[in-house]
N, C-alpha and C. Protein backbone atom coordinates (compact mmCIF):
# COMPACT_ATOMS: atom_id res chain seq x y z
N MET A 1 61.05 13.60 -46.74
CA MET A 1 59.68 15.20 -46.21
C MET A 1 58.34 14.06 -45.43
N LEU A 2 58.30 12.91 -46.05
CA LEU A 2 56.72 12.24 -45.88
C LEU A 2 57.68 11.76 -43.11
N ASN A 3 58.75 11.72 -43.38
CA ASN A 3 59.32 11.69 -41.74
C ASN A 3 58.79 13.28 -41.73
N ASP A 4 58.87 14.56 -42.00
CA ASP A 4 58.64 15.97 -41.56
C ASP A 4 57.33 16.23 -41.06
N LEU A 5 56.22 15.83 -42.62
CA LEU A 5 55.18 16.13 -42.60
C LEU A 5 54.26 15.10 -41.07
N LEU A 6 55.10 13.96 -40.60
CA LEU A 6 54.76 13.22 -39.43
C LEU A 6 55.14 13.83 -38.16
N GLY A 7 56.13 14.26 -38.75
CA GLY A 7 56.70 15.29 -36.94
C GLY A 7 57.59 13.69 -36.96
N LEU A 8 58.32 13.48 -37.74
CA LEU A 8 59.13 11.58 -37.13
C LEU A 8 60.65 12.48 -37.24
N THR A 9 61.01 13.75 -36.88
CA THR A 9 62.22 14.25 -36.42
C THR A 9 62.58 14.31 -35.07
N PHE A 10 63.71 15.19 -34.94
CA PHE A 10 63.61 15.20 -33.42
C PHE A 10 64.60 16.36 -33.37
N LYS A 11 64.79 17.08 -34.74
CA LYS A 11 65.38 18.63 -34.83
C LYS A 11 64.26 19.28 -35.16
N ARG A 12 64.56 20.41 -35.26
CA ARG A 12 63.43 21.67 -35.75
C ARG A 12 63.36 21.68 -37.07
N PRO A 13 62.19 21.27 -37.81
CA PRO A 13 61.49 21.02 -39.57
C PRO A 13 62.61 22.68 -39.81
N ALA A 14 62.84 22.13 -41.48
CA ALA A 14 62.38 23.77 -41.98
C ALA A 14 60.96 24.85 -42.44
N LYS A 15 61.96 25.62 -42.47
CA LYS A 15 60.76 26.57 -42.59
C LYS A 15 59.64 25.95 -43.70
N PHE A 16 59.82 25.19 -44.70
CA PHE A 16 59.43 25.10 -45.74
C PHE A 16 57.47 24.19 -45.62
N VAL A 17 58.25 23.20 -44.28
CA VAL A 17 57.31 21.90 -44.58
C VAL A 17 56.42 22.66 -42.31
N ARG A 18 55.02 22.25 -43.21
CA ARG A 18 53.87 21.40 -42.02
C ARG A 18 54.22 20.30 -41.57
N GLN A 19 53.59 20.40 -40.22
CA GLN A 19 53.93 19.01 -40.14
C GLN A 19 52.37 18.81 -39.80
N TYR A 20 51.67 17.79 -40.01
CA TYR A 20 50.14 17.28 -38.96
C TYR A 20 49.92 16.28 -38.37
N PHE A 21 51.31 16.21 -37.40
CA PHE A 21 50.99 14.90 -37.10
C PHE A 21 52.75 15.28 -35.56
N GLY A 22 52.65 15.19 -34.40
CA GLY A 22 53.30 14.89 -33.53
C GLY A 22 53.82 13.76 -33.30
N GLY A 23 54.70 13.22 -33.66
CA GLY A 23 54.98 11.31 -33.71
C GLY A 23 56.73 11.27 -33.25
N SER A 24 57.51 12.34 -33.44
CA SER A 24 58.23 12.83 -32.52
C SER A 24 58.24 12.07 -30.74
N LEU A 25 56.94 13.41 -30.78
CA LEU A 25 56.50 13.50 -29.34
C LEU A 25 56.04 12.15 -28.63
N GLN A 26 54.98 11.17 -29.97
CA GLN A 26 54.44 10.38 -29.30
C GLN A 26 55.47 8.90 -29.31
N ILE A 27 56.18 9.47 -30.38
CA ILE A 27 57.44 8.29 -30.19
C ILE A 27 58.33 7.94 -28.59
N ALA A 28 59.05 10.12 -28.35
CA ALA A 28 59.70 9.47 -27.30
C ALA A 28 58.57 9.43 -26.25
N THR A 29 57.47 9.66 -25.76
CA THR A 29 56.43 8.78 -24.77
C THR A 29 56.64 7.62 -25.00
N ALA A 30 56.37 7.08 -25.94
CA ALA A 30 56.20 5.59 -25.90
C ALA A 30 57.18 4.72 -25.68
N LEU A 31 58.68 5.16 -25.66
CA LEU A 31 59.89 4.74 -25.56
C LEU A 31 60.01 5.02 -23.93
N ALA A 32 59.65 6.84 -23.77
CA ALA A 32 60.39 6.69 -22.02
C ALA A 32 58.66 5.04 -21.03
N ARG A 33 57.45 5.40 -21.15
CA ARG A 33 57.08 4.14 -21.25
C ARG A 33 57.16 3.00 -21.08
N PHE A 34 57.81 3.01 -21.50
CA PHE A 34 58.62 0.79 -22.50
C PHE A 34 59.97 0.77 -21.34
N LYS A 35 60.47 1.69 -21.52
CA LYS A 35 61.87 2.58 -21.01
C LYS A 35 61.42 1.43 -18.63
N ALA A 36 59.94 2.71 -18.64
CA ALA A 36 59.86 2.70 -17.23
C ALA A 36 58.87 1.14 -16.50
N ASP A 37 58.35 0.87 -17.89
CA ASP A 37 57.91 -0.85 -17.48
C ASP A 37 58.80 -1.93 -17.44
N VAL A 38 59.82 -1.66 -18.45
CA VAL A 38 61.04 -2.82 -18.01
C VAL A 38 61.58 -2.33 -16.89
N GLU A 39 62.05 -1.47 -16.72
CA GLU A 39 62.96 -1.07 -14.88
C GLU A 39 62.32 -1.60 -13.82
N SER A 40 60.43 -1.32 -13.68
CA SER A 40 59.85 -1.69 -12.56
C SER A 40 59.65 -2.67 -12.75
N GLU A 41 60.17 -3.83 -13.95
CA GLU A 41 59.56 -5.35 -14.15
C GLU A 41 57.69 -5.83 -14.45
N ALA A 42 57.64 -4.63 -14.75
CA ALA A 42 55.80 -4.28 -15.22
C ALA A 42 55.97 -5.72 -16.59
N TYR A 43 56.69 -4.85 -17.69
CA TYR A 43 56.67 -6.16 -18.75
C TYR A 43 58.46 -6.57 -18.80
N PRO A 44 58.39 -7.61 -19.49
CA PRO A 44 57.25 -8.63 -19.91
C PRO A 44 56.57 -9.32 -19.36
N GLY A 45 55.26 -8.88 -19.06
CA GLY A 45 54.27 -10.27 -18.28
C GLY A 45 54.10 -11.13 -18.17
N ASP A 46 52.83 -11.63 -17.14
CA ASP A 46 52.79 -13.63 -18.11
C ASP A 46 52.41 -13.53 -19.25
N ASP A 47 51.25 -12.83 -19.44
CA ASP A 47 50.63 -12.91 -20.39
C ASP A 47 51.07 -12.61 -22.13
N GLU A 48 52.56 -11.19 -21.57
CA GLU A 48 53.13 -11.46 -22.67
C GLU A 48 54.58 -12.65 -23.03
N SER A 49 54.06 -13.69 -21.94
CA SER A 49 55.04 -14.40 -22.23
C SER A 49 55.20 -15.53 -23.31
N TYR A 50 56.13 -16.45 -23.13
CA TYR A 50 55.87 -17.97 -23.65
C TYR A 50 56.47 -18.65 -22.60
N HIS A 51 55.91 -19.61 -22.20
CA HIS A 51 56.10 -20.61 -21.20
C HIS A 51 56.52 -22.03 -21.80
N LEU A 52 57.32 -22.92 -20.73
CA LEU A 52 57.60 -24.01 -21.61
C LEU A 52 56.67 -25.21 -21.35
N PRO A 53 56.46 -25.94 -21.67
CA PRO A 53 55.18 -27.14 -21.40
C PRO A 53 55.77 -27.28 -19.92
N GLY A 54 54.81 -28.01 -19.29
CA GLY A 54 55.36 -28.71 -17.88
C GLY A 54 56.16 -29.83 -17.75
N GLU A 55 56.32 -30.72 -19.28
CA GLU A 55 56.88 -31.61 -19.25
C GLU A 55 57.62 -31.07 -19.04
N LEU A 56 58.56 -29.70 -20.84
CA LEU A 56 60.11 -30.25 -21.03
C LEU A 56 60.46 -28.96 -19.88
N LYS A 57 59.77 -28.70 -19.14
CA LYS A 57 59.90 -27.73 -17.74
C LYS A 57 61.05 -28.36 -16.70
N SER A 58 60.57 -29.57 -16.39
CA SER A 58 60.79 -30.42 -16.30
C SER A 58 62.69 -31.44 -16.15
N GLU A 59 61.98 -31.46 -17.57
CA GLU A 59 63.18 -32.24 -18.13
C GLU A 59 64.10 -31.16 -18.45
N LEU A 60 64.54 -30.00 -18.46
CA LEU A 60 65.01 -28.72 -19.02
C LEU A 60 66.25 -29.59 -18.36
N PRO A 61 66.81 -29.16 -17.05
CA PRO A 61 68.65 -29.58 -16.48
C PRO A 61 68.73 -30.08 -17.18
N GLU A 62 68.54 -31.57 -16.96
CA GLU A 62 69.04 -32.63 -17.79
C GLU A 62 69.73 -33.13 -19.25
N ILE A 63 68.34 -32.28 -19.85
CA ILE A 63 68.80 -31.12 -20.72
C ILE A 63 69.93 -30.66 -21.20
N LEU A 64 70.45 -29.80 -20.52
CA LEU A 64 71.04 -28.53 -20.41
C LEU A 64 72.75 -29.16 -19.99
N ASP A 65 72.52 -29.91 -19.51
CA ASP A 65 73.25 -30.66 -18.31
C ASP A 65 74.14 -32.15 -19.44
N ARG A 66 73.30 -31.69 -20.46
CA ARG A 66 74.02 -33.18 -21.98
C ARG A 66 74.39 -32.52 -22.29
N ILE A 67 73.69 -31.45 -23.34
CA ILE A 67 74.38 -30.44 -23.59
C ILE A 67 76.03 -29.73 -23.14
N ARG A 68 75.98 -29.34 -21.72
CA ARG A 68 76.92 -28.59 -21.22
C ARG A 68 78.02 -29.91 -21.49
N SER A 69 77.58 -31.17 -21.48
CA SER A 69 78.65 -32.52 -21.63
C SER A 69 79.21 -32.21 -22.79
N SER A 70 78.78 -32.17 -23.81
CA SER A 70 79.02 -33.25 -25.00
C SER A 70 79.72 -30.73 -25.60
N GLN A 71 78.92 -29.99 -25.45
CA GLN A 71 80.43 -28.97 -25.58
C GLN A 71 81.34 -29.02 -24.96
N GLY A 72 81.78 -29.65 -23.35
CA GLY A 72 83.09 -30.29 -22.92
C GLY A 72 83.91 -30.72 -24.19
N ASN A 73 82.95 -32.34 -24.13
CA ASN A 73 83.80 -33.10 -25.30
C ASN A 73 84.63 -32.31 -25.99
N GLN A 74 83.15 -31.57 -26.75
CA GLN A 74 84.09 -30.90 -28.76
C GLN A 74 85.08 -30.02 -27.93
N ALA A 75 84.98 -29.42 -26.88
CA ALA A 75 86.96 -28.66 -26.46
C ALA A 75 87.74 -29.30 -26.15
N ASP A 76 87.41 -30.89 -26.19
CA ASP A 76 88.81 -31.75 -25.61
C ASP A 76 88.89 -31.94 -27.12
N LEU A 77 88.09 -32.80 -27.62
CA LEU A 77 88.34 -33.23 -28.80
C LEU A 77 89.09 -32.45 -29.88
N ASP A 78 88.80 -30.69 -29.80
CA ASP A 78 89.33 -28.82 -30.63
C ASP A 78 90.93 -29.55 -30.76
N LEU A 79 90.83 -29.52 -28.91
CA LEU A 79 92.35 -29.38 -28.29
C LEU A 79 93.31 -30.47 -28.83
N SER A 80 92.86 -31.71 -29.29
CA SER A 80 93.75 -32.58 -29.11
C SER A 80 93.94 -32.49 -30.81
N ASP A 81 92.71 -32.25 -31.68
CA ASP A 81 93.42 -32.37 -33.29
C ASP A 81 94.47 -31.31 -33.48
N SER A 82 95.27 -30.27 -32.37
CA SER A 82 95.94 -29.15 -33.01
C SER A 82 97.53 -29.92 -32.82
């Protein structure tokens, strides 16, 4: 019943329901704005993103290479176990 009162349904409410808030319209509008922001690459912005510290960012390629290398070695071990 709360969903009906707040207008959080996308279908016509029952005759006995009185809507006090147009929630479905607000939700649809918010989702359309979010979609437009994502498609235009306006979201996420720099302020809404986490960034790696400079030191870690410079070390990242080496770290990823070590991970890939260890995964390759693990795959070799898995094949030899069978």
